[in-house]
Amino acid sequence: MHKRRVHTGEKPYKCEECNWRGVDSSSLIHHRKRHKGEAAKKEKAAAAAAAAAAANSACKILSLISLILHFWWKMYMVLEYANNPRILTN
């Protein structure tokens, strides 16, 4: 039966997700696995992109906090030095 379908061009097994057609059920099963692999790759890529965006956001927040703390520490030291110039000489 398989040989006849190959030579006549008959392809009765159709994929529900795309326009692909095959000559036997085993080729359809193999084709469906490709769709599952594509979906898994897309999900994995989306998860990696979300994780990278979250990490980038966290990095930006930590950088901003560090900058603010540095600024306030400098201001504190300037005010302390203005009130007591001997702090830095000891």
PDB file of N, CA and C in Angstrom:
ATOM      1  N   MET A   1       0.823  -1.186   0.000  1.00  0.00           N
ATOM      2  CA  MET A   1       0.000   0.000   0.000  1.00  0.00           C
ATOM      3  C   MET A   1       0.875   1.260   0.000  1.00  0.00           C
ATOM      4  N   HIS A   2       1.948   1.237   0.803  1.00  0.00           N
ATOM      5  CA  HIS A   2       2.834   2.390   0.911  1.00  0.00           C
ATOM      6  C   HIS A   2       3.465   2.716  -0.445  1.00  0.00           C
ATOM      7  N   LYS A   3       3.917   1.694  -1.153  1.00  0.00           N
ATOM      8  CA  LYS A   3       4.553   1.913  -2.465  1.00  0.00           C
ATOM      9  C   LYS A   3       3.580   2.532  -3.455  1.00  0.00           C
ATOM     10  N   ARG A   4       2.352   2.052  -3.426  1.00  0.00           N
ATOM     11  CA  ARG A   4       1.363   2.577  -4.363  1.00  0.00           C
ATOM     12  C   ARG A   4       1.108   4.060  -4.083  1.00  0.00           C
ATOM     13  N   ARG A   5       1.015   4.425  -2.794  1.00  0.00           N
ATOM     14  CA  ARG A   5       0.772   5.825  -2.433  1.00  0.00           C
ATOM     15  C   ARG A   5       1.949   6.706  -2.855  1.00  0.00           C
ATOM     16  N   VAL A   6       3.153   6.189  -2.696  1.00  0.00           N
ATOM     17  CA  VAL A   6       4.334   6.955  -3.086  1.00  0.00           C
ATOM     18  C   VAL A   6       4.302   7.236  -4.587  1.00  0.00           C
ATOM     19  N   HIS A   7       3.967   6.215  -5.394  1.00  0.00           N
ATOM     20  CA  HIS A   7       3.991   6.367  -6.852  1.00  0.00           C
ATOM     21  C   HIS A   7       2.796   7.142  -7.386  1.00  0.00           C
ATOM     22  N   THR A   8       1.656   7.048  -6.715  1.00  0.00           N
ATOM     23  CA  THR A   8       0.470   7.764  -7.203  1.00  0.00           C
ATOM     24  C   THR A   8       0.399   9.180  -6.641  1.00  0.00           C
ATOM     25  N   GLY A   9       1.160   9.448  -5.595  1.00  0.00           N
ATOM     26  CA  GLY A   9       1.132  10.778  -4.993  1.00  0.00           C
ATOM     27  C   GLY A   9       0.029  10.950  -3.970  1.00  0.00           C
ATOM     28  N   GLU A  10      -0.662   9.864  -3.648  1.00  0.00           N
ATOM     29  CA  GLU A  10      -1.744   9.926  -2.657  1.00  0.00           C
ATOM     30  C   GLU A  10      -1.145  10.145  -1.256  1.00  0.00           C
ATOM     31  N   LYS A  11      -1.667  11.132  -0.542  1.00  0.00           N
ATOM     32  CA  LYS A  11      -1.190  11.431   0.808  1.00  0.00           C
ATOM     33  C   LYS A  11      -2.399  11.649   1.729  1.00  0.00           C
ATOM     34  N   PRO A  12      -2.933  10.554   2.275  1.00  0.00           N
ATOM     35  CA  PRO A  12      -4.166  10.677   3.064  1.00  0.00           C
ATOM     36  C   PRO A  12      -3.965  11.170   4.505  1.00  0.00           C
ATOM     37  N   TYR A  13      -2.754  11.176   4.993  1.00  0.00           N
ATOM     38  CA  TYR A  13      -2.511  11.569   6.386  1.00  0.00           C
ATOM     39  C   TYR A  13      -2.130  13.047   6.446  1.00  0.00           C
ATOM     40  N   LYS A  14      -3.021  13.861   7.037  1.00  0.00           N
ATOM     41  CA  LYS A  14      -2.838  15.308   7.042  1.00  0.00           C
ATOM     42  C   LYS A  14      -2.573  15.801   8.466  1.00  0.00           C
ATOM     43  N   CYS A  15      -1.656  16.753   8.570  1.00  0.00           N
ATOM     44  CA  CYS A  15      -1.357  17.388   9.859  1.00  0.00           C
ATOM     45  C   CYS A  15      -2.449  18.413  10.158  1.00  0.00           C
ATOM     46  N   GLU A  16      -2.904  18.457  11.415  1.00  0.00           N
ATOM     47  CA  GLU A  16      -3.953  19.397  11.812  1.00  0.00           C
ATOM     48  C   GLU A  16      -3.409  20.819  12.007  1.00  0.00           C
ATOM     49  N   GLU A  17      -2.093  20.947  12.208  1.00  0.00           N
ATOM     50  CA  GLU A  17      -1.506  22.245  12.512  1.00  0.00           C
ATOM     51  C   GLU A  17      -1.001  22.990  11.276  1.00  0.00           C
ATOM     52  N   CYS A  18      -0.712  22.273  10.205  1.00  0.00           N
ATOM     53  CA  CYS A  18      -0.195  22.921   8.996  1.00  0.00           C
ATOM     54  C   CYS A  18      -0.720  22.179   7.767  1.00  0.00           C
ATOM     55  N   ASN A  19      -0.235  22.530   6.600  1.00  0.00           N
ATOM     56  CA  ASN A  19      -0.718  21.922   5.351  1.00  0.00           C
ATOM     57  C   ASN A  19       0.049  20.674   4.945  1.00  0.00           C
ATOM     58  N   TRP A  20       0.870  20.127   5.813  1.00  0.00           N
ATOM     59  CA  TRP A  20       1.682  18.964   5.493  1.00  0.00           C
ATOM     60  C   TRP A  20       0.799  17.735   5.326  1.00  0.00           C
ATOM     61  N   ARG A  21       1.153  16.892   4.368  1.00  0.00           N
ATOM     62  CA  ARG A  21       0.456  15.613   4.156  1.00  0.00           C
ATOM     63  C   ARG A  21       1.490  14.511   4.000  1.00  0.00           C
ATOM     64  N   GLY A  22       1.154  13.299   4.467  1.00  0.00           N
ATOM     65  CA  GLY A  22       2.071  12.176   4.382  1.00  0.00           C
ATOM     66  C   GLY A  22       1.421  10.930   3.816  1.00  0.00           C
ATOM     67  N   VAL A  23       2.270   9.963   3.441  1.00  0.00           N
ATOM     68  CA  VAL A  23       1.772   8.728   2.830  1.00  0.00           C
ATOM     69  C   VAL A  23       1.438   7.656   3.854  1.00  0.00           C
ATOM     70  N   ASP A  24       1.975   7.776   5.074  1.00  0.00           N
ATOM     71  CA  ASP A  24       1.653   6.774   6.092  1.00  0.00           C
ATOM     72  C   ASP A  24       1.584   7.417   7.477  1.00  0.00           C
ATOM     73  N   SER A  25       0.989   6.685   8.399  1.00  0.00           N
ATOM     74  CA  SER A  25       0.755   7.227   9.738  1.00  0.00           C
ATOM     75  C   SER A  25       2.059   7.457  10.495  1.00  0.00           C
ATOM     76  N   SER A  26       3.079   6.640  10.242  1.00  0.00           N
ATOM     77  CA  SER A  26       4.339   6.817  10.964  1.00  0.00           C
ATOM     78  C   SER A  26       5.026   8.129  10.563  1.00  0.00           C
ATOM     79  N   SER A  27       4.906   8.519   9.296  1.00  0.00           N
ATOM     80  CA  SER A  27       5.499   9.796   8.887  1.00  0.00           C
ATOM     81  C   SER A  27       4.729  10.960   9.507  1.00  0.00           C
ATOM     82  N   LEU A  28       3.414  10.803   9.699  1.00  0.00           N
ATOM     83  CA  LEU A  28       2.624  11.842  10.364  1.00  0.00           C
ATOM     84  C   LEU A  28       3.039  11.970  11.832  1.00  0.00           C
ATOM     85  N   ILE A  29       3.263  10.852  12.488  1.00  0.00           N
ATOM     86  CA  ILE A  29       3.717  10.874  13.884  1.00  0.00           C
ATOM     87  C   ILE A  29       5.071  11.571  13.984  1.00  0.00           C
ATOM     88  N   HIS A  30       5.964  11.242  13.082  1.00  0.00           N
ATOM     89  CA  HIS A  30       7.281  11.880  13.062  1.00  0.00           C
ATOM     90  C   HIS A  30       7.143  13.387  12.819  1.00  0.00           C
ATOM     91  N   HIS A  31       6.255  13.780  11.918  1.00  0.00           N
ATOM     92  CA  HIS A  31       6.032  15.191  11.624  1.00  0.00           C
ATOM     93  C   HIS A  31       5.474  15.925  12.843  1.00  0.00           C
ATOM     94  N   ARG A  32       4.548  15.323  13.558  1.00  0.00           N
ATOM     95  CA  ARG A  32       3.965  15.967  14.747  1.00  0.00           C
ATOM     96  C   ARG A  32       5.026  16.236  15.808  1.00  0.00           C
ATOM     97  N   LYS A  33       6.013  15.358  15.905  1.00  0.00           N
ATOM     98  CA  LYS A  33       7.095  15.571  16.871  1.00  0.00           C
ATOM     99  C   LYS A  33       7.872  16.841  16.546  1.00  0.00           C
ATOM    100  N   ARG A  34       7.971  17.173  15.284  1.00  0.00           N
ATOM    101  CA  ARG A  34       8.642  18.421  14.892  1.00  0.00           C
ATOM    102  C   ARG A  34       7.891  19.631  15.444  1.00  0.00           C
ATOM    103  N   HIS A  35       6.560  19.583  15.363  1.00  0.00           N
ATOM    104  CA  HIS A  35       5.762  20.688  15.912  1.00  0.00           C
ATOM    105  C   HIS A  35       5.992  20.824  17.415  1.00  0.00           C
ATOM    106  N   LYS A  36       6.053  19.717  18.109  1.00  0.00           N
ATOM    107  CA  LYS A  36       6.290  19.756  19.561  1.00  0.00           C
ATOM    108  C   LYS A  36       7.666  20.333  19.859  1.00  0.00           C
ATOM    109  N   GLY A  37       8.654  19.973  19.061  1.00  0.00           N
ATOM    110  CA  GLY A  37      10.007  20.495  19.243  1.00  0.00           C
ATOM    111  C   GLY A  37      10.070  21.997  19.008  1.00  0.00           C
ATOM    112  N   GLU A  38       9.345  22.470  17.996  1.00  0.00           N
ATOM    113  CA  GLU A  38       9.314  23.910  17.712  1.00  0.00           C
ATOM    114  C   GLU A  38       8.661  24.664  18.857  1.00  0.00           C
ATOM    115  N   ALA A  39       7.569  24.123  19.381  1.00  0.00           N
ATOM    116  CA  ALA A  39       6.869  24.780  20.485  1.00  0.00           C
ATOM    117  C   ALA A  39       7.757  24.825  21.725  1.00  0.00           C
ATOM    118  N   ALA A  40       8.467  23.735  21.981  1.00  0.00           N
ATOM    119  CA  ALA A  40       9.346  23.697  23.147  1.00  0.00           C
ATOM    120  C   ALA A  40      10.478  24.713  22.998  1.00  0.00           C
ATOM    121  N   LYS A  41      11.029  24.837  21.798  1.00  0.00           N
ATOM    122  CA  LYS A  41      12.094  25.816  21.555  1.00  0.00           C
ATOM    123  C   LYS A  41      11.575  27.239  21.756  1.00  0.00           C
ATOM    124  N   LYS A  42      10.362  27.518  21.275  1.00  0.00           N
ATOM    125  CA  LYS A  42       9.785  28.855  21.424  1.00  0.00           C
ATOM    126  C   LYS A  42       9.544  29.173  22.897  1.00  0.00           C
ATOM    127  N   GLU A  43       9.011  28.189  23.642  1.00  0.00           N
ATOM    128  CA  GLU A  43       8.772  28.399  25.069  1.00  0.00           C
ATOM    129  C   GLU A  43      10.085  28.632  25.812  1.00  0.00           C
ATOM    130  N   LYS A  44      11.102  27.866  25.459  1.00  0.00           N
ATOM    131  CA  LYS A  44      12.402  28.003  26.100  1.00  0.00           C
ATOM    132  C   LYS A  44      13.009  29.373  25.814  1.00  0.00           C
ATOM    133  N   ALA A  45      12.897  29.827  24.577  1.00  0.00           N
ATOM    134  CA  ALA A  45      13.430  31.137  24.196  1.00  0.00           C
ATOM    135  C   ALA A  45      12.682  32.256  24.917  1.00  0.00           C
ATOM    136  N   ALA A  46      11.365  32.116  25.036  1.00  0.00           N
ATOM    137  CA  ALA A  46      10.572  33.134  25.732  1.00  0.00           C
ATOM    138  C   ALA A  46      10.930  33.176  27.214  1.00  0.00           C
ATOM    139  N   ALA A  47      11.138  32.009  27.824  1.00  0.00           N
ATOM    140  CA  ALA A  47      11.522  31.966  29.233  1.00  0.00           C
ATOM    141  C   ALA A  47      12.907  32.577  29.439  1.00  0.00           C
ATOM    142  N   ALA A  48      13.824  32.309  28.528  1.00  0.00           N
ATOM    143  CA  ALA A  48      15.171  32.881  28.634  1.00  0.00           C
ATOM    144  C   ALA A  48      15.129  34.400  28.479  1.00  0.00           C
ATOM    145  N   ALA A  49      14.301  34.884  27.566  1.00  0.00           N
ATOM    146  CA  ALA A  49      14.175  36.336  27.372  1.00  0.00           C
ATOM    147  C   ALA A  49      13.581  36.996  28.607  1.00  0.00           C
ATOM    148  N   ALA A  50      12.587  36.350  29.211  1.00  0.00           N
ATOM    149  CA  ALA A  50      11.972  36.904  30.423  1.00  0.00           C
ATOM    150  C   ALA A  50      12.972  36.920  31.575  1.00  0.00           C
ATOM    151  N   ALA A  51      13.754  35.859  31.703  1.00  0.00           N
ATOM    152  CA  ALA A  51      14.762  35.799  32.763  1.00  0.00           C
ATOM    153  C   ALA A  51      15.833  36.865  32.561  1.00  0.00           C
ATOM    154  N   ALA A  52      16.240  37.074  31.310  1.00  0.00           N
ATOM    155  CA  ALA A  52      17.241  38.102  31.024  1.00  0.00           C
ATOM    156  C   ALA A  52      16.698  39.490  31.325  1.00  0.00           C
ATOM    157  N   ALA A  53      15.435  39.724  31.002  1.00  0.00           N
ATOM    158  CA  ALA A  53      14.823  41.028  31.279  1.00  0.00           C
ATOM    159  C   ALA A  53      14.728  41.257  32.784  1.00  0.00           C
ATOM    160  N   ALA A  54      14.370  40.219  33.536  1.00  0.00           N
ATOM    161  CA  ALA A  54      14.284  40.347  34.993  1.00  0.00           C
ATOM    162  C   ALA A  54      15.658  40.609  35.595  1.00  0.00           C
ATOM    163  N   ALA A  55      16.660  39.911  35.106  1.00  0.00           N
ATOM    164  CA  ALA A  55      18.020  40.104  35.619  1.00  0.00           C
ATOM    165  C   ALA A  55      18.520  41.503  35.287  1.00  0.00           C
ATOM    166  N   ASN A  56      18.214  41.982  34.092  1.00  0.00           N
ATOM    167  CA  ASN A  56      18.624  43.318  33.684  1.00  0.00           C
ATOM    168  C   ASN A  56      17.939  44.367  34.556  1.00  0.00           C
ATOM    169  N   SER A  57      16.665  44.159  34.850  1.00  0.00           N
ATOM    170  CA  SER A  57      15.919  45.087  35.686  1.00  0.00           C
ATOM    171  C   SER A  57      16.494  45.114  37.100  1.00  0.00           C
ATOM    172  N   ALA A  58      16.800  43.946  37.653  1.00  0.00           N
ATOM    173  CA  ALA A  58      17.378  43.864  38.987  1.00  0.00           C
ATOM    174  C   ALA A  58      18.742  44.536  39.027  1.00  0.00           C
ATOM    175  N   CYS A  59      19.519  44.361  37.984  1.00  0.00           N
ATOM    176  CA  CYS A  59      20.839  44.974  37.906  1.00  0.00           C
ATOM    177  C   CYS A  59      20.729  46.494  37.881  1.00  0.00           C
ATOM    178  N   LYS A  60      19.758  47.003  37.126  1.00  0.00           N
ATOM    179  CA  LYS A  60      19.553  48.451  37.065  1.00  0.00           C
ATOM    180  C   LYS A  60      19.148  49.005  38.428  1.00  0.00           C
ATOM    181  N   ILE A  61      18.282  48.288  39.126  1.00  0.00           N
ATOM    182  CA  ILE A  61      17.836  48.731  40.447  1.00  0.00           C
ATOM    183  C   ILE A  61      19.006  48.750  41.422  1.00  0.00           C
ATOM    184  N   LEU A  62      19.813  47.692  41.429  1.00  0.00           N
ATOM    185  CA  LEU A  62      20.966  47.644  42.326  1.00  0.00           C
ATOM    186  C   LEU A  62      21.974  48.743  42.001  1.00  0.00           C
ATOM    187  N   SER A  63      22.153  49.028  40.743  1.00  0.00           N
ATOM    188  CA  SER A  63      23.059  50.088  40.336  1.00  0.00           C
ATOM    189  C   SER A  63      22.551  51.442  40.823  1.00  0.00           C
ATOM    190  N   LEU A  64      21.265  51.671  40.719  1.00  0.00           N
ATOM    191  CA  LEU A  64      20.678  52.921  41.175  1.00  0.00           C
ATOM    192  C   LEU A  64      20.802  53.063  42.692  1.00  0.00           C
ATOM    193  N   ILE A  65      20.544  51.993  43.414  1.00  0.00           N
ATOM    194  CA  ILE A  65      20.687  52.020  44.876  1.00  0.00           C
ATOM    195  C   ILE A  65      22.128  52.325  45.264  1.00  0.00           C
ATOM    196  N   SER A  66      23.061  51.699  44.586  1.00  0.00           N
ATOM    197  CA  SER A  66      24.475  51.942  44.855  1.00  0.00           C
ATOM    198  C   SER A  66      24.839  53.403  44.613  1.00  0.00           C
ATOM    199  N   LEU A  67      24.332  53.959  43.531  1.00  0.00           N
ATOM    200  CA  LEU A  67      24.601  55.355  43.207  1.00  0.00           C
ATOM    201  C   LEU A  67      24.023  56.287  44.277  1.00  0.00           C
ATOM    202  N   ILE A  68      22.809  56.012  44.702  1.00  0.00           N
ATOM    203  CA  ILE A  68      22.173  56.837  45.738  1.00  0.00           C
ATOM    204  C   ILE A  68      22.947  56.749  47.039  1.00  0.00           C
ATOM    205  N   LEU A  69      23.330  55.551  47.446  1.00  0.00           N
ATOM    206  CA  LEU A  69      24.096  55.394  48.692  1.00  0.00           C
ATOM    207  C   LEU A  69      25.435  56.113  48.609  1.00  0.00           C
ATOM    208  N   HIS A  70      26.086  56.011  47.478  1.00  0.00           N
ATOM    209  CA  HIS A  70      27.367  56.693  47.294  1.00  0.00           C
ATOM    210  C   HIS A  70      27.184  58.208  47.420  1.00  0.00           C
ATOM    211  N   PHE A  71      26.144  58.727  46.777  1.00  0.00           N
ATOM    212  CA  PHE A  71      25.874  60.161  46.839  1.00  0.00           C
ATOM    213  C   PHE A  71      25.611  60.599  48.277  1.00  0.00           C
ATOM    214  N   TRP A  72      24.761  59.869  48.987  1.00  0.00           N
ATOM    215  CA  TRP A  72      24.430  60.272  50.357  1.00  0.00           C
ATOM    216  C   TRP A  72      25.632  60.131  51.277  1.00  0.00           C
ATOM    217  N   TRP A  73      26.472  59.130  51.070  1.00  0.00           N
ATOM    218  CA  TRP A  73      27.672  58.982  51.901  1.00  0.00           C
ATOM    219  C   TRP A  73      28.621  60.162  51.676  1.00  0.00           C
ATOM    220  N   LYS A  74      28.763  60.558  50.419  1.00  0.00           N
ATOM    221  CA  LYS A  74      29.616  61.718  50.125  1.00  0.00           C
ATOM    222  C   LYS A  74      29.057  62.987  50.781  1.00  0.00           C
ATOM    223  N   MET A  75      27.761  63.178  50.683  1.00  0.00           N
ATOM    224  CA  MET A  75      27.146  64.351  51.305  1.00  0.00           C
ATOM    225  C   MET A  75      27.320  64.325  52.825  1.00  0.00           C
ATOM    226  N   TYR A  76      27.171  63.154  53.422  1.00  0.00           N
ATOM    227  CA  TYR A  76      27.353  63.011  54.870  1.00  0.00           C
ATOM    228  C   TYR A  76      28.788  63.378  55.256  1.00  0.00           C
ATOM    229  N   MET A  77      29.760  62.871  54.499  1.00  0.00           N
ATOM    230  CA  MET A  77      31.158  63.164  54.820  1.00  0.00           C
ATOM    231  C   MET A  77      31.466  64.651  54.638  1.00  0.00           C
ATOM    232  N   VAL A  78      30.906  65.296  53.634  1.00  0.00           N
ATOM    233  CA  VAL A  78      31.123  66.728  53.435  1.00  0.00           C
ATOM    234  C   VAL A  78      30.571  67.511  54.617  1.00  0.00           C
ATOM    235  N   LEU A  79      29.370  67.139  55.048  1.00  0.00           N
ATOM    236  CA  LEU A  79      28.765  67.842  56.193  1.00  0.00           C
ATOM    237  C   LEU A  79      29.542  67.578  57.474  1.00  0.00           C
ATOM    238  N   GLU A  80      29.983  66.360  57.674  1.00  0.00           N
ATOM    239  CA  GLU A  80      30.768  66.044  58.872  1.00  0.00           C
ATOM    240  C   GLU A  80      32.092  66.790  58.858  1.00  0.00           C
ATOM    241  N   TYR A  81      32.738  66.852  57.718  1.00  0.00           N
ATOM    242  CA  TYR A  81      34.016  67.546  57.615  1.00  0.00           C
ATOM    243  C   TYR A  81      33.827  69.051  57.830  1.00  0.00           C
ATOM    244  N   ALA A  82      32.704  69.584  57.358  1.00  0.00           N
ATOM    245  CA  ALA A  82      32.410  71.021  57.548  1.00  0.00           C
ATOM    246  C   ALA A  82      32.232  71.330  59.026  1.00  0.00           C
ATOM    247  N   ASN A  83      31.648  70.411  59.775  1.00  0.00           N
ATOM    248  CA  ASN A  83      31.403  70.623  61.199  1.00  0.00           C
ATOM    249  C   ASN A  83      32.648  70.326  62.037  1.00  0.00           C
ATOM    250  N   ASN A  84      33.488  69.404  61.597  1.00  0.00           N
ATOM    251  CA  ASN A  84      34.666  69.012  62.371  1.00  0.00           C
ATOM    252  C   ASN A  84      35.817  68.709  61.421  1.00  0.00           C
ATOM    253  N   PRO A  85      36.649  69.681  61.092  1.00  0.00           N
ATOM    254  CA  PRO A  85      37.726  69.482  60.116  1.00  0.00           C
ATOM    255  C   PRO A  85      38.806  68.497  60.568  1.00  0.00           C
ATOM    256  N   ARG A  86      38.870  68.173  61.855  1.00  0.00           N
ATOM    257  CA  ARG A  86      39.919  67.249  62.341  1.00  0.00           C
ATOM    258  C   ARG A  86      39.587  65.784  62.064  1.00  0.00           C
ATOM    259  N   ILE A  87      38.419  65.470  61.564  1.00  0.00           N
ATOM    260  CA  ILE A  87      38.005  64.068  61.301  1.00  0.00           C
ATOM    261  C   ILE A  87      38.972  63.404  60.319  1.00  0.00           C
ATOM    262  N   LEU A  88      39.286  64.061  59.237  1.00  0.00           N
ATOM    263  CA  LEU A  88      40.115  63.445  58.212  1.00  0.00           C
ATOM    264  C   LEU A  88      41.603  63.497  58.532  1.00  0.00           C
ATOM    265  N   THR A  89      42.014  64.319  59.453  1.00  0.00           N
ATOM    266  CA  THR A  89      43.433  64.435  59.759  1.00  0.00           C
ATOM    267  C   THR A  89      43.893  63.392  60.753  1.00  0.00           C
ATOM    268  N   ASN A  90      42.993  62.759  61.490  1.00  0.00           N
ATOM    269  CA  ASN A  90      43.383  61.747  62.490  1.00  0.00           C
ATOM    270  C   ASN A  90      43.656  60.419  61.877  1.00  0.00           C
TER     271      ASN A  90
END
